[in-house]
PDB file of N, CA and C in Angstrom:
ATOM      1  N   UNK A   1      71.655  40.097-148.661  1.00  0.00           N
ATOM      2  CA  UNK A   1      70.990  39.758-147.410  1.00  0.00           C
ATOM      3  C   UNK A   1      70.657  41.057-146.678  1.00  0.00           C
ATOM      4  N   UNK A   2      69.462  41.173-146.172  1.00  0.00           N
ATOM      5  CA  UNK A   2      69.050  42.404-145.505  1.00  0.00           C
ATOM      6  C   UNK A   2      69.553  42.442-144.076  1.00  0.00           C
ATOM      7  N   UNK A   3      69.572  43.651-143.536  1.00  0.00           N
ATOM      8  CA  UNK A   3      69.999  43.805-142.141  1.00  0.00           C
ATOM      9  C   UNK A   3      69.062  43.036-141.222  1.00  0.00           C
ATOM     10  N   UNK A   4      67.756  43.047-141.554  1.00  0.00           N
ATOM     11  CA  UNK A   4      66.782  42.345-140.711  1.00  0.00           C
ATOM     12  C   UNK A   4      67.071  40.846-140.652  1.00  0.00           C
ATOM     13  N   UNK A   5      67.431  40.245-141.778  1.00  0.00           N
ATOM     14  CA  UNK A   5      67.674  38.802-141.774  1.00  0.00           C
ATOM     15  C   UNK A   5      68.961  38.439-141.047  1.00  0.00           C
ATOM     16  N   UNK A   6      69.853  39.404-140.852  1.00  0.00           N
ATOM     17  CA  UNK A   6      71.072  39.151-140.095  1.00  0.00           C
ATOM     18  C   UNK A   6      70.862  39.193-138.594  1.00  0.00           C
ATOM     19  N   UNK A   7      69.757  39.765-138.160  1.00  0.00           N
ATOM     20  CA  UNK A   7      69.508  39.866-136.722  1.00  0.00           C
ATOM     21  C   UNK A   7      69.135  38.497-136.175  1.00  0.00           C
ATOM     22  N   UNK A   8      69.453  38.291-134.913  1.00  0.00           N
ATOM     23  CA  UNK A   8      69.102  37.020-134.282  1.00  0.00           C
ATOM     24  C   UNK A   8      67.604  36.941-134.086  1.00  0.00           C
ATOM     25  N   UNK A   9      67.087  35.732-133.941  1.00  0.00           N
ATOM     26  CA  UNK A   9      65.651  35.563-133.709  1.00  0.00           C
ATOM     27  C   UNK A   9      65.236  36.168-132.380  1.00  0.00           C
ATOM     28  N   UNK A  10      66.185  36.359-131.474  1.00  0.00           N
ATOM     29  CA  UNK A  10      65.887  37.025-130.204  1.00  0.00           C
ATOM     30  C   UNK A  10      65.355  38.426-130.474  1.00  0.00           C
ATOM     31  N   UNK A  11      65.937  39.114-131.462  1.00  0.00           N
ATOM     32  CA  UNK A  11      65.520  40.467-131.772  1.00  0.00           C
ATOM     33  C   UNK A  11      64.239  40.493-132.593  1.00  0.00           C
ATOM     34  N   UNK A  12      63.885  39.419-133.266  1.00  0.00           N
ATOM     35  CA  UNK A  12      62.645  39.385-134.036  1.00  0.00           C
ATOM     36  C   UNK A  12      61.437  39.557-133.130  1.00  0.00           C
ATOM     37  N   UNK A  13      61.488  39.029-131.935  1.00  0.00           N
ATOM     38  CA  UNK A  13      60.402  39.206-130.979  1.00  0.00           C
ATOM     39  C   UNK A  13      60.576  40.487-130.178  1.00  0.00           C
ATOM     40  N   UNK A  14      61.735  41.081-130.237  1.00  0.00           N
ATOM     41  CA  UNK A  14      62.023  42.273-129.442  1.00  0.00           C
ATOM     42  C   UNK A  14      62.995  41.908-128.339  1.00  0.00           C
ATOM     43  N   UNK A  15      63.770  42.882-127.937  1.00  0.00           N
ATOM     44  CA  UNK A  15      64.801  42.657-126.921  1.00  0.00           C
ATOM     45  C   UNK A  15      64.231  42.120-125.611  1.00  0.00           C
ATOM     46  N   UNK A  16      63.030  42.543-125.257  1.00  0.00           N
ATOM     47  CA  UNK A  16      62.455  42.174-123.966  1.00  0.00           C
ATOM     48  C   UNK A  16      61.363  41.117-124.092  1.00  0.00           C
ATOM     49  N   UNK A  17      61.331  40.416-125.205  1.00  0.00           N
ATOM     50  CA  UNK A  17      60.328  39.368-125.415  1.00  0.00           C
ATOM     51  C   UNK A  17      61.037  38.039-125.609  1.00  0.00           C
ATOM     52  N   UNK A  18      60.354  36.986-125.220  1.00  0.00           N
ATOM     53  CA  UNK A  18      60.949  35.660-125.319  1.00  0.00           C
ATOM     54  C   UNK A  18      59.854  34.637-125.586  1.00  0.00           C
ATOM     55  N   UNK A  19      60.051  33.807-126.604  1.00  0.00           N
ATOM     56  CA  UNK A  19      59.121  32.721-126.885  1.00  0.00           C
ATOM     57  C   UNK A  19      59.471  31.577-125.937  1.00  0.00           C
ATOM     58  N   UNK A  20      58.570  31.272-125.036  1.00  0.00           N
ATOM     59  CA  UNK A  20      58.839  30.366-123.924  1.00  0.00           C
ATOM     60  C   UNK A  20      57.948  29.131-123.979  1.00  0.00           C
ATOM     61  N   UNK A  21      58.551  27.978-123.756  1.00  0.00           N
ATOM     62  CA  UNK A  21      57.815  26.716-123.619  1.00  0.00           C
ATOM     63  C   UNK A  21      57.798  26.379-122.134  1.00  0.00           C
ATOM     64  N   UNK A  22      56.638  25.997-121.636  1.00  0.00           N
ATOM     65  CA  UNK A  22      56.494  25.665-120.216  1.00  0.00           C
ATOM     66  C   UNK A  22      56.173  24.180-120.094  1.00  0.00           C
ATOM     67  N   UNK A  23      56.934  23.506-119.227  1.00  0.00           N
ATOM     68  CA  UNK A  23      56.761  22.075-118.989  1.00  0.00           C
ATOM     69  C   UNK A  23      56.345  21.836-117.545  1.00  0.00           C
ATOM     70  N   UNK A  24      55.527  20.824-117.358  1.00  0.00           N
ATOM     71  CA  UNK A  24      55.063  20.402-116.032  1.00  0.00           C
ATOM     72  C   UNK A  24      55.833  19.154-115.628  1.00  0.00           C
ATOM     73  N   UNK A  25      56.123  19.051-114.340  1.00  0.00           N
ATOM     74  CA  UNK A  25      56.785  17.855-113.826  1.00  0.00           C
ATOM     75  C   UNK A  25      55.740  16.788-113.511  1.00  0.00           C
ATOM     76  N   UNK A  26      55.948  15.557-113.973  1.00  0.00           N
ATOM     77  CA  UNK A  26      55.022  14.482-113.618  1.00  0.00           C
ATOM     78  C   UNK A  26      55.259  13.968-112.193  1.00  0.00           C
ATOM     79  N   UNK A  27      56.383  14.347-111.599  1.00  0.00           N
ATOM     80  CA  UNK A  27      56.742  13.845-110.262  1.00  0.00           C
ATOM     81  C   UNK A  27      56.328  14.767-109.128  1.00  0.00           C
ATOM     82  N   UNK A  28      56.210  16.040-109.394  1.00  0.00           N
ATOM     83  CA  UNK A  28      55.954  17.011-108.333  1.00  0.00           C
ATOM     84  C   UNK A  28      54.862  17.968-108.800  1.00  0.00           C
ATOM     85  N   UNK A  29      53.717  17.951-108.105  1.00  0.00           N
ATOM     86  CA  UNK A  29      52.622  18.855-108.447  1.00  0.00           C
ATOM     87  C   UNK A  29      53.081  20.302-108.389  1.00  0.00           C
ATOM     88  N   UNK A  30      52.642  21.065-109.348  1.00  0.00           N
ATOM     89  CA  UNK A  30      52.881  22.508-109.416  1.00  0.00           C
ATOM     90  C   UNK A  30      54.347  22.903-109.560  1.00  0.00           C
ATOM     91  N   UNK A  31      55.161  22.001-110.101  1.00  0.00           N
ATOM     92  CA  UNK A  31      56.547  22.337-110.443  1.00  0.00           C
ATOM     93  C   UNK A  31      56.605  22.482-111.965  1.00  0.00           C
ATOM     94  N   UNK A  32      57.133  23.625-112.417  1.00  0.00           N
ATOM     95  CA  UNK A  32      57.175  23.924-113.844  1.00  0.00           C
ATOM     96  C   UNK A  32      58.566  24.361-114.264  1.00  0.00           C
ATOM     97  N   UNK A  33      58.908  24.040-115.504  1.00  0.00           N
ATOM     98  CA  UNK A  33      60.186  24.399-116.087  1.00  0.00           C
ATOM     99  C   UNK A  33      59.905  25.284-117.299  1.00  0.00           C
ATOM    100  N   UNK A  34      60.461  26.496-117.290  1.00  0.00           N
ATOM    101  CA  UNK A  34      60.298  27.448-118.387  1.00  0.00           C
ATOM    102  C   UNK A  34      61.598  27.457-119.187  1.00  0.00           C
ATOM    103  N   UNK A  35      61.506  27.320-120.510  1.00  0.00           N
ATOM    104  CA  UNK A  35      62.695  27.351-121.367  1.00  0.00           C
ATOM    105  C   UNK A  35      62.408  28.169-122.625  1.00  0.00           C
ATOM    106  N   UNK A  36      63.472  28.606-123.281  1.00  0.00           N
ATOM    107  CA  UNK A  36      63.352  29.256-124.584  1.00  0.00           C
ATOM    108  C   UNK A  36      62.903  28.170-125.561  1.00  0.00           C
ATOM    109  N   UNK A  37      61.788  28.385-126.229  1.00  0.00           N
ATOM    110  CA  UNK A  37      61.242  27.359-127.119  1.00  0.00           C
ATOM    111  C   UNK A  37      62.243  26.952-128.198  1.00  0.00           C
ATOM    112  N   UNK A  38      63.054  27.898-128.675  1.00  0.00           N
ATOM    113  CA  UNK A  38      64.011  27.590-129.737  1.00  0.00           C
ATOM    114  C   UNK A  38      65.132  26.680-129.249  1.00  0.00           C
ATOM    115  N   UNK A  39      65.490  26.772-127.970  1.00  0.00           N
ATOM    116  CA  UNK A  39      66.567  25.950-127.405  1.00  0.00           C
ATOM    117  C   UNK A  39      66.044  24.637-126.846  1.00  0.00           C
ATOM    118  N   UNK A  40      64.769  24.621-126.495  1.00  0.00           N
ATOM    119  CA  UNK A  40      64.202  23.429-125.878  1.00  0.00           C
ATOM    120  C   UNK A  40      64.862  23.148-124.535  1.00  0.00           C
ATOM    121  N   UNK A  41      65.069  21.898-124.248  1.00  0.00           N
ATOM    122  CA  UNK A  41      65.619  21.476-122.956  1.00  0.00           C
ATOM    123  C   UNK A  41      67.144  21.319-122.982  1.00  0.00           C
ATOM    124  N   UNK A  42      67.773  21.750-124.067  1.00  0.00           N
ATOM    125  CA  UNK A  42      69.219  21.550-124.248  1.00  0.00           C
ATOM    126  C   UNK A  42      70.068  22.149-123.126  1.00  0.00           C
ATOM    127  N   UNK A  43      69.641  23.265-122.542  1.00  0.00           N
ATOM    128  CA  UNK A  43      70.439  23.931-121.508  1.00  0.00           C
ATOM    129  C   UNK A  43      70.075  23.522-120.088  1.00  0.00           C
ATOM    130  N   UNK A  44      69.115  22.621-119.940  1.00  0.00           N
ATOM    131  CA  UNK A  44      68.697  22.181-118.605  1.00  0.00           C
ATOM    132  C   UNK A  44      69.654  21.078-118.145  1.00  0.00           C
ATOM    133  N   UNK A  45      70.276  21.226-116.982  1.00  0.00           N
ATOM    134  CA  UNK A  45      71.221  20.213-116.498  1.00  0.00           C
ATOM    135  C   UNK A  45      70.563  18.835-116.345  1.00  0.00           C
ATOM    136  N   UNK A  46      71.305  17.813-116.709  1.00  0.00           N
ATOM    137  CA  UNK A  46      70.797  16.434-116.642  1.00  0.00           C
ATOM    138  C   UNK A  46      70.304  16.044-115.247  1.00  0.00           C
ATOM    139  N   UNK A  47      71.030  16.386-114.161  1.00  0.00           N
ATOM    140  CA  UNK A  47      70.526  16.025-112.825  1.00  0.00           C
ATOM    141  C   UNK A  47      69.153  16.642-112.525  1.00  0.00           C
ATOM    142  N   UNK A  48      68.930  17.869-112.995  1.00  0.00           N
ATOM    143  CA  UNK A  48      67.628  18.503-112.790  1.00  0.00           C
ATOM    144  C   UNK A  48      66.548  17.768-113.573  1.00  0.00           C
ATOM    145  N   UNK A  49      66.839  17.405-114.813  1.00  0.00           N
ATOM    146  CA  UNK A  49      65.856  16.668-115.614  1.00  0.00           C
ATOM    147  C   UNK A  49      65.514  15.319-114.988  1.00  0.00           C
ATOM    148  N   UNK A  50      66.505  14.662-114.382  1.00  0.00           N
ATOM    149  CA  UNK A  50      66.242  13.376-113.722  1.00  0.00           C
ATOM    150  C   UNK A  50      65.295  13.551-112.545  1.00  0.00           C
ATOM    151  N   UNK A  51      65.505  14.592-111.744  1.00  0.00           N
ATOM    152  CA  UNK A  51      64.615  14.852-110.608  1.00  0.00           C
ATOM    153  C   UNK A  51      63.249  15.343-111.069  1.00  0.00           C
ATOM    154  N   UNK A  52      63.226  16.127-112.133  1.00  0.00           N
ATOM    155  CA  UNK A  52      61.995  16.714-112.656  1.00  0.00           C
ATOM    156  C   UNK A  52      61.077  15.639-113.235  1.00  0.00           C
ATOM    157  N   UNK A  53      61.675  14.611-113.833  1.00  0.00           N
ATOM    158  CA  UNK A  53      60.897  13.582-114.516  1.00  0.00           C
ATOM    159  C   UNK A  53      60.749  13.950-115.988  1.00  0.00           C
ATOM    160  N   UNK A  54      60.028  13.153-116.740  1.00  0.00           N
ATOM    161  CA  UNK A  54      59.841  13.396-118.167  1.00  0.00           C
ATOM    162  C   UNK A  54      58.973  14.642-118.367  1.00  0.00           C
ATOM    163  N   UNK A  55      59.561  15.752-118.846  1.00  0.00           N
ATOM    164  CA  UNK A  55      58.813  17.003-118.956  1.00  0.00           C
ATOM    165  C   UNK A  55      57.589  16.870-119.864  1.00  0.00           C
ATOM    166  N   UNK A  56      56.479  17.401-119.402  1.00  0.00           N
ATOM    167  CA  UNK A  56      55.229  17.373-120.162  1.00  0.00           C
ATOM    168  C   UNK A  56      54.874  18.798-120.554  1.00  0.00           C
ATOM    169  N   UNK A  57      54.872  19.066-121.860  1.00  0.00           N
ATOM    170  CA  UNK A  57      54.602  20.416-122.348  1.00  0.00           C
ATOM    171  C   UNK A  57      53.194  20.848-121.967  1.00  0.00           C
ATOM    172  N   UNK A  58      53.104  22.044-121.398  1.00  0.00           N
ATOM    173  CA  UNK A  58      51.821  22.591-120.959  1.00  0.00           C
ATOM    174  C   UNK A  58      51.355  23.680-121.914  1.00  0.00           C
ATOM    175  N   UNK A  59      52.258  24.611-122.250  1.00  0.00           N
ATOM    176  CA  UNK A  59      51.888  25.707-123.148  1.00  0.00           C
ATOM    177  C   UNK A  59      53.118  26.443-123.647  1.00  0.00           C
ATOM    178  N   UNK A  60      52.885  27.257-124.670  1.00  0.00           N
ATOM    179  CA  UNK A  60      53.899  28.149-125.212  1.00  0.00           C
ATOM    180  C   UNK A  60      53.375  29.569-125.057  1.00  0.00           C
ATOM    181  N   UNK A  61      54.221  30.466-124.556  1.00  0.00           N
ATOM    182  CA  UNK A  61      53.840  31.865-124.344  1.00  0.00           C
ATOM    183  C   UNK A  61      54.925  32.783-124.879  1.00  0.00           C
ATOM    184  N   UNK A  62      54.522  33.978-125.286  1.00  0.00           N
ATOM    185  CA  UNK A  62      55.497  35.033-125.534  1.00  0.00           C
ATOM    186  C   UNK A  62      55.592  35.815-124.238  1.00  0.00           C
ATOM    187  N   UNK A  63      56.753  35.745-123.602  1.00  0.00           N
ATOM    188  CA  UNK A  63      56.961  36.474-122.351  1.00  0.00           C
ATOM    189  C   UNK A  63      57.470  37.873-122.665  1.00  0.00           C
ATOM    190  N   UNK A  64      56.944  38.855-121.953  1.00  0.00           N
ATOM    191  CA  UNK A  64      57.374  40.245-122.061  1.00  0.00           C
ATOM    192  C   UNK A  64      57.060  40.922-120.737  1.00  0.00           C
ATOM    193  N   UNK A  65      57.711  42.041-120.436  1.00  0.00           N
ATOM    194  CA  UNK A  65      57.556  42.676-119.120  1.00  0.00           C
ATOM    195  C   UNK A  65      56.117  43.023-118.734  1.00  0.00           C
ATOM    196  N   UNK A  66      55.239  43.238-119.702  1.00  0.00           N
ATOM    197  CA  UNK A  66      53.859  43.598-119.382  1.00  0.00           C
ATOM    198  C   UNK A  66      52.987  42.382-119.050  1.00  0.00           C
ATOM    199  N   UNK A  67      53.474  41.189-119.335  1.00  0.00           N
ATOM    200  CA  UNK A  67      52.691  39.969-119.070  1.00  0.00           C
ATOM    201  C   UNK A  67      52.794  39.624-117.594  1.00  0.00           C
ATOM    202  N   UNK A  68      51.692  39.171-117.032  1.00  0.00           N
ATOM    203  CA  UNK A  68      51.761  38.708-115.643  1.00  0.00           C
ATOM    204  C   UNK A  68      51.687  37.187-115.631  1.00  0.00           C
ATOM    205  N   UNK A  69      52.415  36.609-114.709  1.00  0.00           N
ATOM    206  CA  UNK A  69      52.402  35.165-114.505  1.00  0.00           C
ATOM    207  C   UNK A  69      51.816  34.900-113.126  1.00  0.00           C
ATOM    208  N   UNK A  70      51.205  33.744-112.954  1.00  0.00           N
ATOM    209  CA  UNK A  70      50.505  33.436-111.702  1.00  0.00           C
ATOM    210  C   UNK A  70      51.417  33.464-110.475  1.00  0.00           C
ATOM    211  N   UNK A  71      52.589  32.809-110.559  1.00  0.00           N
ATOM    212  CA  UNK A  71      53.416  32.683-109.355  1.00  0.00           C
ATOM    213  C   UNK A  71      54.873  33.042-109.578  1.00  0.00           C
ATOM    214  N   UNK A  72      55.145  33.808-110.620  1.00  0.00           N
ATOM    215  CA  UNK A  72      56.533  34.190-110.883  1.00  0.00           C
ATOM    216  C   UNK A  72      56.567  35.590-111.478  1.00  0.00           C
ATOM    217  N   UNK A  73      57.670  36.282-111.231  1.00  0.00           N
ATOM    218  CA  UNK A  73      57.886  37.594-111.819  1.00  0.00           C
ATOM    219  C   UNK A  73      58.418  37.380-113.234  1.00  0.00           C
ATOM    220  N   UNK A  74      57.712  37.891-114.220  1.00  0.00           N
ATOM    221  CA  UNK A  74      58.070  37.631-115.610  1.00  0.00           C
ATOM    222  C   UNK A  74      59.477  38.125-115.953  1.00  0.00           C
ATOM    223  N   UNK A  75      59.911  39.228-115.367  1.00  0.00           N
ATOM    224  CA  UNK A  75      61.261  39.734-115.617  1.00  0.00           C
ATOM    225  C   UNK A  75      62.311  38.766-115.079  1.00  0.00           C
ATOM    226  N   UNK A  76      62.048  38.185-113.911  1.00  0.00           N
ATOM    227  CA  UNK A  76      62.963  37.183-113.346  1.00  0.00           C
ATOM    228  C   UNK A  76      63.028  35.940-114.231  1.00  0.00           C
ATOM    229  N   UNK A  77      61.874  35.535-114.763  1.00  0.00           N
ATOM    230  CA  UNK A  77      61.816  34.348-115.627  1.00  0.00           C
ATOM    231  C   UNK A  77      62.628  34.585-116.899  1.00  0.00           C
ATOM    232  N   UNK A  78      62.401  35.721-117.549  1.00  0.00           N
ATOM    233  CA  UNK A  78      63.136  36.038-118.779  1.00  0.00           C
ATOM    234  C   UNK A  78      64.640  36.096-118.504  1.00  0.00           C
ATOM    235  N   UNK A  79      65.031  36.758-117.431  1.00  0.00           N
ATOM    236  CA  UNK A  79      66.458  36.869-117.083  1.00  0.00           C
ATOM    237  C   UNK A  79      67.083  35.502-116.845  1.00  0.00           C
ATOM    238  N   UNK A  80      66.398  34.653-116.090  1.00  0.00           N
ATOM    239  CA  UNK A  80      66.935  33.315-115.796  1.00  0.00           C
ATOM    240  C   UNK A  80      67.091  32.492-117.070  1.00  0.00           C
ATOM    241  N   UNK A  81      66.106  32.554-117.950  1.00  0.00           N
ATOM    242  CA  UNK A  81      66.186  31.787-119.202  1.00  0.00           C
ATOM    243  C   UNK A  81      67.350  32.293-120.051  1.00  0.00           C
ATOM    244  N   UNK A  82      67.509  33.592-120.127  1.00  0.00           N
ATOM    245  CA  UNK A  82      68.601  34.152-120.943  1.00  0.00           C
ATOM    246  C   UNK A  82      69.970  33.869-120.335  1.00  0.00           C
ATOM    247  N   UNK A  83      70.061  33.857-119.004  1.00  0.00           N
ATOM    248  CA  UNK A  83      71.352  33.665-118.342  1.00  0.00           C
ATOM    249  C   UNK A  83      71.738  32.199-118.183  1.00  0.00           C
ATOM    250  N   UNK A  84      70.777  31.336-117.824  1.00  0.00           N
ATOM    251  CA  UNK A  84      71.127  29.938-117.555  1.00  0.00           C
ATOM    252  C   UNK A  84      70.396  28.933-118.440  1.00  0.00           C
ATOM    253  N   UNK A  85      69.466  29.413-119.269  1.00  0.00           N
ATOM    254  CA  UNK A  85      68.783  28.527-120.202  1.00  0.00           C
ATOM    255  C   UNK A  85      67.466  27.968-119.708  1.00  0.00           C
ATOM    256  N   UNK A  86      67.093  28.263-118.460  1.00  0.00           N
ATOM    257  CA  UNK A  86      65.827  27.761-117.926  1.00  0.00           C
ATOM    258  C   UNK A  86      65.446  28.539-116.674  1.00  0.00           C
ATOM    259  N   UNK A  87      64.175  28.393-116.287  1.00  0.00           N
ATOM    260  CA  UNK A  87      63.680  28.918-115.007  1.00  0.00           C
ATOM    261  C   UNK A  87      62.861  27.799-114.387  1.00  0.00           C
ATOM    262  N   UNK A  88      63.153  27.447-113.156  1.00  0.00           N
ATOM    263  CA  UNK A  88      62.423  26.395-112.452  1.00  0.00           C
ATOM    264  C   UNK A  88      61.470  27.034-111.456  1.00  0.00           C
ATOM    265  N   UNK A  89      60.184  26.782-111.648  1.00  0.00           N
ATOM    266  CA  UNK A  89      59.172  27.282-110.707  1.00  0.00           C
ATOM    267  C   UNK A  89      58.822  26.155-109.750  1.00  0.00           C
ATOM    268  N   UNK A  90      59.132  26.369-108.491  1.00  0.00           N
ATOM    269  CA  UNK A  90      58.868  25.372-107.459  1.00  0.00           C
ATOM    270  C   UNK A  90      57.413  25.444-107.006  1.00  0.00           C
ATOM    271  N   UNK A  91      56.891  24.350-106.446  1.00  0.00           N
ATOM    272  CA  UNK A  91      55.526  24.375-105.908  1.00  0.00           C
ATOM    273  C   UNK A  91      55.430  25.380-104.766  1.00  0.00           C
ATOM    274  N   UNK A  92      54.238  25.948-104.573  1.00  0.00           N
ATOM    275  CA  UNK A  92      54.088  26.874-103.445  1.00  0.00           C
ATOM    276  C   UNK A  92      54.227  26.118-102.137  1.00  0.00           C
ATOM    277  N   UNK A  93      54.666  26.825-101.110  1.00  0.00           N
ATOM    278  CA  UNK A  93      54.762  26.197 -99.790  1.00  0.00           C
ATOM    279  C   UNK A  93      53.358  26.015 -99.244  1.00  0.00           C
ATOM    280  N   UNK A  94      53.107  24.846 -98.696  1.00  0.00           N
ATOM    281  CA  UNK A  94      51.810  24.554 -98.104  1.00  0.00           C
ATOM    282  C   UNK A  94      51.861  24.983 -96.650  1.00  0.00           C
ATOM    283  N   UNK A  95      50.944  25.843 -96.303  1.00  0.00           N
ATOM    284  CA  UNK A  95      50.899  26.306 -94.920  1.00  0.00           C
ATOM    285  C   UNK A  95      49.939  25.432 -94.137  1.00  0.00           C
ATOM    286  N   UNK A  96      50.328  25.095 -92.943  1.00  0.00           N
ATOM    287  CA  UNK A  96      49.496  24.269 -92.076  1.00  0.00           C
ATOM    288  C   UNK A  96      48.247  25.040 -91.680  1.00  0.00           C
ATOM    289  N   UNK A  97      47.124  24.321 -91.586  1.00  0.00           N
ATOM    290  CA  UNK A  97      45.887  24.956 -91.139  1.00  0.00           C
ATOM    291  C   UNK A  97      45.833  25.016 -89.621  1.00  0.00           C
ATOM    292  N   UNK A  98      46.734  24.307 -88.951  1.00  0.00           N
ATOM    293  CA  UNK A  98      46.785  24.323 -87.490  1.00  0.00           C
ATOM    294  C   UNK A  98      47.846  25.300 -87.017  1.00  0.00           C
ATOM    295  N   UNK A  99      47.562  26.061 -85.976  1.00  0.00           N
ATOM    296  CA  UNK A  99      48.610  26.915 -85.409  1.00  0.00           C
ATOM    297  C   UNK A  99      49.756  26.044 -84.890  1.00  0.00           C
ATOM    298  N   UNK A 100      50.988  26.550 -84.868  1.00  0.00           N
ATOM    299  CA  UNK A 100      52.149  25.750 -84.453  1.00  0.00           C
ATOM    300  C   UNK A 100      52.026  25.142 -83.060  1.00  0.00           C
ATOM    301  N   UNK A 101      51.306  25.774 -82.151  1.00  0.00           N
ATOM    302  CA  UNK A 101      51.218  25.261 -80.782  1.00  0.00           C
ATOM    303  C   UNK A 101      50.026  24.328 -80.562  1.00  0.00           C
ATOM    304  N   UNK A 102      49.222  24.096 -81.603  1.00  0.00           N
ATOM    305  CA  UNK A 102      48.055  23.228 -81.435  1.00  0.00           C
ATOM    306  C   UNK A 102      48.474  21.771 -81.354  1.00  0.00           C
ATOM    307  N   UNK A 103      47.839  20.996 -80.484  1.00  0.00           N
ATOM    308  CA  UNK A 103      48.139  19.558 -80.439  1.00  0.00           C
ATOM    309  C   UNK A 103      47.624  18.886 -81.706  1.00  0.00           C
ATOM    310  N   UNK A 104      48.250  17.798 -82.053  1.00  0.00           N
ATOM    311  CA  UNK A 104      47.816  17.040 -83.219  1.00  0.00           C
ATOM    312  C   UNK A 104      46.415  16.495 -82.974  1.00  0.00           C
ATOM    313  N   UNK A 105      45.602  16.366 -84.021  1.00  0.00           N
ATOM    314  CA  UNK A 105      44.257  15.812 -83.841  1.00  0.00           C
ATOM    315  C   UNK A 105      44.319  14.423 -83.203  1.00  0.00           C
ATOM    316  N   UNK A 106      43.451  14.180 -82.275  1.00  0.00           N
ATOM    317  CA  UNK A 106      43.389  12.881 -81.605  1.00  0.00           C
ATOM    318  C   UNK A 106      44.400  12.735 -80.489  1.00  0.00           C
ATOM    319  N   UNK A 107      45.153  13.774 -80.191  1.00  0.00           N
ATOM    320  CA  UNK A 107      46.175  13.677 -79.138  1.00  0.00           C
ATOM    321  C   UNK A 107      45.580  13.961 -77.788  1.00  0.00           C
TER     322      UNK A 107
END
């Protein structure tokens, strides 16, 4: 058996790379769950999966420090997946178009 075949699949992609599966929540717009594709959803806590709803696969990506993600720091995502088995991306906060002191429309 060669030294290469003894290495974990984590090292096959490189120490700082991760094959990631991204799932969308059917219950909450713009909520996504990132997991190691090889582990799947096995490390995601059951209570989180219940709130998340039936995960819908969106895409598979190779994450690495040079990759940019729309609303998350890729290094934080990789670290969270390696440490806890998943990364949960919450929906962005919706900012009101009205200033805080404005009266409600029709008031």
